[in-house]
Structures are given as C-alpha cells and as structure tokens.
Amino acid sequence: MQPESAKLLQDILDAADRIFGYVSGKSREEFLACRELCDAVHWNFAIVGEALNQLYKINPTCVEKINEWRRIIGFRNQLIHGYGAIKSDITWDIIQTKLHKLKAEVQWLLSK
C-alpha cells in the first residue's frame, strides 16, 4: 500500500478512536446536552470524511472496499457546508451503529 494511502487510513482510525474516547461512558442524553462534546465528535467525523475523500482521489480501489464510503463523504460535506442542519441525535446513532464497522474495515485494509 502506498504510504499516503496508509496515512489517510490511519487518520480515519485515529479520528474514530477519538470519537469513541469522547463518548465513552456517556449516554445519548449527555451527548446531546453537551455542545462541546458534539462539536468534538463532529470535527472528527469531518476528518474521517475528508480523509476518505482524499484517499478516493489517490486510491479509489481502496476506498471502494469501504461500505457506505459515499455516505461517509456526504456526511463530511453536510458537516462542513450544511452545518446548521446537523442533528446530533443522528450522529449518536451513527456512532452506535456504524462507526465500529468502519473502523474494522479500515483496520482490515491497513493489514493488507
């Protein structure tokens, strides 16, 4: 794997780990009530999406092995360009139902 591809995949893992760290031990209600926590999580989701976007430009075959890669980049675009419409309860659901799978897929790609 190209070094730049591996770096971008590692950036995704690092951002996912930060998200999990931020929400560890927190309830949905605590997450929704804390603006700073939501901001930190949203910023790291923007990093995930941007890293995938950059990776797609240099290694589309790699990105296409990640389920929902288009939706992840789309979420990044919404965070950056449509930030006023972000619903943190949906972000919470993404963390709970999708982020573990993304992390596993990225780890698998890095192991190749």
N, C-alpha and C. Protein backbone atom coordinates (compact mmCIF):
# COMPACT_ATOMS: atom_id res chain seq x y z
N MET A 1 0.85 -1.19 0.00
CA MET A 1 0.00 0.00 0.00
C MET A 1 0.88 1.24 0.00
N GLN A 2 0.45 2.23 -0.75
CA GLN A 2 1.18 3.48 -0.82
C GLN A 2 1.23 4.13 0.57
N PRO A 3 2.34 4.77 0.91
CA PRO A 3 2.43 5.41 2.23
C PRO A 3 1.34 6.44 2.48
N GLU A 4 0.99 7.22 1.46
CA GLU A 4 -0.05 8.25 1.65
C GLU A 4 -1.41 7.60 1.91
N SER A 5 -1.69 6.49 1.25
CA SER A 5 -2.95 5.77 1.49
C SER A 5 -2.99 5.26 2.93
N ALA A 6 -1.90 4.68 3.37
CA ALA A 6 -1.84 4.16 4.74
C ALA A 6 -1.99 5.29 5.76
N LYS A 7 -1.40 6.45 5.47
CA LYS A 7 -1.53 7.59 6.39
C LYS A 7 -2.98 8.04 6.51
N LEU A 8 -3.66 8.12 5.38
CA LEU A 8 -5.06 8.56 5.40
C LEU A 8 -5.94 7.54 6.12
N LEU A 9 -5.69 6.26 5.90
CA LEU A 9 -6.44 5.23 6.64
C LEU A 9 -6.17 5.34 8.14
N GLN A 10 -4.92 5.60 8.50
CA GLN A 10 -4.59 5.76 9.92
C GLN A 10 -5.27 7.00 10.50
N ASP A 11 -5.36 8.06 9.72
CA ASP A 11 -6.09 9.26 10.16
C ASP A 11 -7.54 8.93 10.49
N ILE A 12 -8.15 8.07 9.66
CA ILE A 12 -9.53 7.65 9.91
C ILE A 12 -9.61 6.88 11.22
N LEU A 13 -8.70 5.94 11.42
CA LEU A 13 -8.70 5.17 12.67
C LEU A 13 -8.50 6.08 13.88
N ASP A 14 -7.57 7.00 13.77
CA ASP A 14 -7.30 7.91 14.89
C ASP A 14 -8.53 8.75 15.23
N ALA A 15 -9.20 9.27 14.21
CA ALA A 15 -10.40 10.08 14.44
C ALA A 15 -11.51 9.23 15.04
N ALA A 16 -11.68 8.00 14.56
CA ALA A 16 -12.69 7.10 15.13
C ALA A 16 -12.38 6.81 16.59
N ASP A 17 -11.12 6.57 16.90
CA ASP A 17 -10.73 6.31 18.30
C ASP A 17 -11.01 7.53 19.18
N ARG A 18 -10.76 8.72 18.65
CA ARG A 18 -11.06 9.93 19.43
C ARG A 18 -12.56 10.03 19.68
N ILE A 19 -13.36 9.75 18.66
CA ILE A 19 -14.82 9.80 18.83
C ILE A 19 -15.24 8.83 19.92
N PHE A 20 -14.77 7.59 19.83
CA PHE A 20 -15.13 6.60 20.86
C PHE A 20 -14.66 7.05 22.23
N GLY A 21 -13.48 7.65 22.30
CA GLY A 21 -12.99 8.15 23.58
C GLY A 21 -13.85 9.26 24.16
N TYR A 22 -14.29 10.16 23.29
CA TYR A 22 -15.13 11.26 23.75
C TYR A 22 -16.46 10.79 24.31
N VAL A 23 -17.05 9.78 23.68
CA VAL A 23 -18.40 9.36 24.10
C VAL A 23 -18.39 8.20 25.09
N SER A 24 -17.22 7.67 25.38
CA SER A 24 -17.13 6.54 26.30
C SER A 24 -17.77 6.90 27.65
N GLY A 25 -18.68 6.06 28.09
CA GLY A 25 -19.35 6.27 29.37
C GLY A 25 -20.45 7.31 29.35
N LYS A 26 -20.70 7.88 28.19
CA LYS A 26 -21.73 8.92 28.07
C LYS A 26 -23.03 8.29 27.56
N SER A 27 -24.12 8.83 28.02
CA SER A 27 -25.42 8.42 27.49
C SER A 27 -25.76 9.30 26.31
N ARG A 28 -26.77 8.88 25.58
CA ARG A 28 -27.27 9.69 24.47
C ARG A 28 -27.66 11.09 24.96
N GLU A 29 -28.34 11.14 26.10
CA GLU A 29 -28.79 12.42 26.65
C GLU A 29 -27.61 13.32 27.02
N GLU A 30 -26.57 12.73 27.60
CA GLU A 30 -25.38 13.51 27.95
C GLU A 30 -24.71 14.04 26.68
N PHE A 31 -24.63 13.20 25.67
CA PHE A 31 -24.04 13.63 24.41
C PHE A 31 -24.82 14.80 23.81
N LEU A 32 -26.12 14.64 23.74
CA LEU A 32 -26.95 15.68 23.12
C LEU A 32 -26.93 16.99 23.91
N ALA A 33 -26.71 16.90 25.21
CA ALA A 33 -26.74 18.09 26.06
C ALA A 33 -25.42 18.86 26.07
N CYS A 34 -24.36 18.25 25.57
CA CYS A 34 -23.04 18.88 25.67
C CYS A 34 -22.57 19.37 24.30
N ARG A 35 -22.67 20.66 24.09
CA ARG A 35 -22.30 21.26 22.82
C ARG A 35 -20.83 21.01 22.47
N GLU A 36 -19.96 21.11 23.47
CA GLU A 36 -18.53 20.90 23.22
C GLU A 36 -18.25 19.47 22.78
N LEU A 37 -18.94 18.52 23.39
CA LEU A 37 -18.77 17.12 23.02
C LEU A 37 -19.26 16.89 21.59
N CYS A 38 -20.42 17.41 21.26
CA CYS A 38 -20.94 17.28 19.89
C CYS A 38 -19.98 17.92 18.89
N ASP A 39 -19.45 19.09 19.23
CA ASP A 39 -18.50 19.75 18.33
C ASP A 39 -17.26 18.90 18.10
N ALA A 40 -16.72 18.32 19.16
CA ALA A 40 -15.52 17.48 19.04
C ALA A 40 -15.80 16.26 18.17
N VAL A 41 -16.93 15.64 18.38
CA VAL A 41 -17.30 14.46 17.60
C VAL A 41 -17.51 14.84 16.13
N HIS A 42 -18.23 15.92 15.90
CA HIS A 42 -18.48 16.34 14.52
C HIS A 42 -17.17 16.68 13.80
N TRP A 43 -16.26 17.33 14.48
CA TRP A 43 -14.98 17.66 13.86
C TRP A 43 -14.26 16.38 13.44
N ASN A 44 -14.26 15.37 14.30
CA ASN A 44 -13.57 14.13 13.96
C ASN A 44 -14.28 13.36 12.86
N PHE A 45 -15.60 13.45 12.78
CA PHE A 45 -16.30 12.88 11.63
C PHE A 45 -15.94 13.62 10.35
N ALA A 46 -15.72 14.92 10.43
CA ALA A 46 -15.28 15.69 9.26
C ALA A 46 -13.90 15.19 8.81
N ILE A 47 -13.03 14.89 9.76
CA ILE A 47 -11.71 14.35 9.43
C ILE A 47 -11.86 13.00 8.73
N VAL A 48 -12.72 12.14 9.26
CA VAL A 48 -12.96 10.83 8.65
C VAL A 48 -13.39 11.00 7.19
N GLY A 49 -14.37 11.84 6.97
CA GLY A 49 -14.88 12.05 5.62
C GLY A 49 -13.88 12.68 4.69
N GLU A 50 -13.12 13.63 5.20
CA GLU A 50 -12.11 14.28 4.36
C GLU A 50 -10.97 13.32 4.02
N ALA A 51 -10.57 12.51 4.98
CA ALA A 51 -9.52 11.52 4.70
C ALA A 51 -9.99 10.54 3.63
N LEU A 52 -11.25 10.11 3.72
CA LEU A 52 -11.79 9.22 2.69
C LEU A 52 -11.85 9.91 1.33
N ASN A 53 -12.25 11.16 1.33
CA ASN A 53 -12.32 11.93 0.09
C ASN A 53 -10.94 12.06 -0.55
N GLN A 54 -9.93 12.37 0.24
CA GLN A 54 -8.57 12.48 -0.28
C GLN A 54 -8.06 11.12 -0.75
N LEU A 55 -8.38 10.08 0.01
CA LEU A 55 -7.96 8.74 -0.36
C LEU A 55 -8.59 8.31 -1.68
N TYR A 56 -9.84 8.67 -1.87
CA TYR A 56 -10.52 8.33 -3.12
C TYR A 56 -9.79 8.93 -4.33
N LYS A 57 -9.24 10.11 -4.16
CA LYS A 57 -8.55 10.78 -5.26
C LYS A 57 -7.25 10.06 -5.64
N ILE A 58 -6.60 9.42 -4.67
CA ILE A 58 -5.32 8.77 -4.97
C ILE A 58 -5.42 7.25 -5.06
N ASN A 59 -6.48 6.68 -4.46
CA ASN A 59 -6.60 5.23 -4.44
C ASN A 59 -8.08 4.83 -4.38
N PRO A 60 -8.83 5.07 -5.45
CA PRO A 60 -10.26 4.78 -5.43
C PRO A 60 -10.58 3.31 -5.17
N THR A 61 -9.75 2.41 -5.63
CA THR A 61 -9.98 0.98 -5.40
C THR A 61 -10.01 0.66 -3.92
N CYS A 62 -9.16 1.28 -3.17
CA CYS A 62 -9.12 1.08 -1.73
C CYS A 62 -10.40 1.58 -1.08
N VAL A 63 -10.80 2.78 -1.40
CA VAL A 63 -11.99 3.39 -0.80
C VAL A 63 -13.24 2.59 -1.13
N GLU A 64 -13.31 2.08 -2.32
CA GLU A 64 -14.50 1.33 -2.74
C GLU A 64 -14.68 0.03 -1.96
N LYS A 65 -13.69 -0.37 -1.20
CA LYS A 65 -13.81 -1.55 -0.33
C LYS A 65 -14.44 -1.21 1.01
N ILE A 66 -14.71 0.06 1.24
CA ILE A 66 -15.34 0.51 2.48
C ILE A 66 -16.84 0.69 2.22
N ASN A 67 -17.63 -0.05 2.96
CA ASN A 67 -19.09 0.08 2.83
C ASN A 67 -19.49 1.51 3.18
N GLU A 68 -20.42 2.02 2.48
CA GLU A 68 -21.00 3.34 2.73
C GLU A 68 -20.01 4.48 2.60
N TRP A 69 -18.95 4.29 1.82
CA TRP A 69 -17.96 5.36 1.70
C TRP A 69 -18.57 6.63 1.13
N ARG A 70 -19.51 6.50 0.22
CA ARG A 70 -20.14 7.71 -0.34
C ARG A 70 -20.93 8.45 0.74
N ARG A 71 -21.63 7.71 1.57
CA ARG A 71 -22.42 8.34 2.63
C ARG A 71 -21.51 9.02 3.66
N ILE A 72 -20.37 8.42 3.92
CA ILE A 72 -19.42 9.00 4.88
C ILE A 72 -18.89 10.33 4.35
N ILE A 73 -18.51 10.34 3.09
CA ILE A 73 -18.04 11.60 2.48
C ILE A 73 -19.20 12.61 2.44
N GLY A 74 -20.40 12.14 2.16
CA GLY A 74 -21.56 13.01 2.17
C GLY A 74 -21.82 13.62 3.53
N PHE A 75 -21.61 12.83 4.58
CA PHE A 75 -21.78 13.34 5.94
C PHE A 75 -20.75 14.42 6.22
N ARG A 76 -19.53 14.21 5.76
CA ARG A 76 -18.49 15.24 5.90
C ARG A 76 -18.92 16.52 5.20
N ASN A 77 -19.46 16.38 4.00
CA ASN A 77 -19.90 17.56 3.25
C ASN A 77 -21.03 18.28 3.99
N GLN A 78 -21.93 17.52 4.57
CA GLN A 78 -23.01 18.15 5.34
C GLN A 78 -22.46 18.86 6.57
N LEU A 79 -21.50 18.24 7.24
CA LEU A 79 -20.91 18.87 8.42
C LEU A 79 -20.24 20.21 8.06
N ILE A 80 -19.57 20.24 6.92
CA ILE A 80 -18.83 21.44 6.54
C ILE A 80 -19.73 22.48 5.88
N HIS A 81 -20.59 22.05 4.97
CA HIS A 81 -21.36 23.00 4.17
C HIS A 81 -22.78 23.21 4.68
N GLY A 82 -23.31 22.22 5.39
CA GLY A 82 -24.68 22.32 5.87
C GLY A 82 -24.76 22.18 7.37
N TYR A 83 -23.77 22.73 8.04
CA TYR A 83 -23.63 22.53 9.50
C TYR A 83 -24.88 22.92 10.29
N GLY A 84 -25.67 23.83 9.79
CA GLY A 84 -26.86 24.26 10.52
C GLY A 84 -27.95 23.22 10.56
N ALA A 85 -27.86 22.23 9.70
CA ALA A 85 -28.90 21.20 9.62
C ALA A 85 -28.48 19.90 10.31
N ILE A 86 -27.32 19.87 10.94
CA ILE A 86 -26.84 18.65 11.59
C ILE A 86 -27.70 18.34 12.80
N LYS A 87 -28.11 17.10 12.90
CA LYS A 87 -28.89 16.63 14.04
C LYS A 87 -28.00 15.69 14.84
N SER A 88 -27.65 16.11 16.04
CA SER A 88 -26.71 15.34 16.85
C SER A 88 -27.26 13.98 17.25
N ASP A 89 -28.58 13.82 17.30
CA ASP A 89 -29.13 12.51 17.62
C ASP A 89 -28.82 11.51 16.50
N ILE A 90 -28.78 11.97 15.27
CA ILE A 90 -28.39 11.10 14.15
C ILE A 90 -26.91 10.76 14.26
N THR A 91 -26.10 11.73 14.63
CA THR A 91 -24.68 11.47 14.84
C THR A 91 -24.48 10.39 15.90
N TRP A 92 -25.24 10.49 17.00
CA TRP A 92 -25.15 9.48 18.05
C TRP A 92 -25.47 8.09 17.49
N ASP A 93 -26.50 8.00 16.68
CA ASP A 93 -26.87 6.72 16.08
C ASP A 93 -25.76 6.19 15.17
N ILE A 94 -25.11 7.06 14.44
CA ILE A 94 -24.00 6.64 13.57
C ILE A 94 -22.87 6.07 14.42
N ILE A 95 -22.57 6.72 15.53
CA ILE A 95 -21.52 6.22 16.41
C ILE A 95 -21.88 4.82 16.91
N GLN A 96 -23.11 4.66 17.32
CA GLN A 96 -23.53 3.40 17.93
C GLN A 96 -23.68 2.26 16.91
N THR A 97 -24.05 2.58 15.67
CA THR A 97 -24.40 1.51 14.73
C THR A 97 -23.44 1.35 13.55
N LYS A 98 -22.62 2.34 13.26
CA LYS A 98 -21.82 2.28 12.04
C LYS A 98 -20.32 2.46 12.23
N LEU A 99 -19.92 3.16 13.26
CA LEU A 99 -18.51 3.51 13.40
C LEU A 99 -17.63 2.30 13.68
N HIS A 100 -18.12 1.33 14.43
CA HIS A 100 -17.33 0.13 14.71
C HIS A 100 -17.03 -0.62 13.40
N LYS A 101 -18.02 -0.71 12.53
CA LYS A 101 -17.83 -1.40 11.27
C LYS A 101 -16.81 -0.67 10.39
N LEU A 102 -16.92 0.65 10.33
CA LEU A 102 -15.95 1.42 9.56
C LEU A 102 -14.54 1.17 10.09
N LYS A 103 -14.40 1.21 11.39
CA LYS A 103 -13.09 1.01 12.00
C LYS A 103 -12.54 -0.38 11.64
N ALA A 104 -13.37 -1.40 11.69
CA ALA A 104 -12.94 -2.75 11.34
C ALA A 104 -12.53 -2.83 9.87
N GLU A 105 -13.27 -2.19 9.00
CA GLU A 105 -12.93 -2.20 7.58
C GLU A 105 -11.59 -1.51 7.32
N VAL A 106 -11.37 -0.40 7.99
CA VAL A 106 -10.11 0.33 7.80
C VAL A 106 -8.95 -0.48 8.36
N GLN A 107 -9.14 -1.10 9.51
CA GLN A 107 -8.08 -1.94 10.07
C GLN A 107 -7.74 -3.08 9.11
N TRP A 108 -8.76 -3.68 8.50
CA TRP A 108 -8.54 -4.75 7.54
C TRP A 108 -7.73 -4.24 6.35
N LEU A 109 -8.08 -3.07 5.83
CA LEU A 109 -7.35 -2.50 4.70
C LEU A 109 -5.88 -2.23 5.07
N LEU A 110 -5.66 -1.75 6.26
CA LEU A 110 -4.28 -1.47 6.69
C LEU A 110 -3.47 -2.75 6.86
N SER A 111 -4.13 -3.84 7.12
CA SER A 111 -3.42 -5.11 7.33
C SER A 111 -2.99 -5.76 6.01
N LYS A 112 -3.48 -5.25 4.89
CA LYS A 112 -3.15 -5.82 3.57
C LYS A 112 -1.78 -5.42 3.11
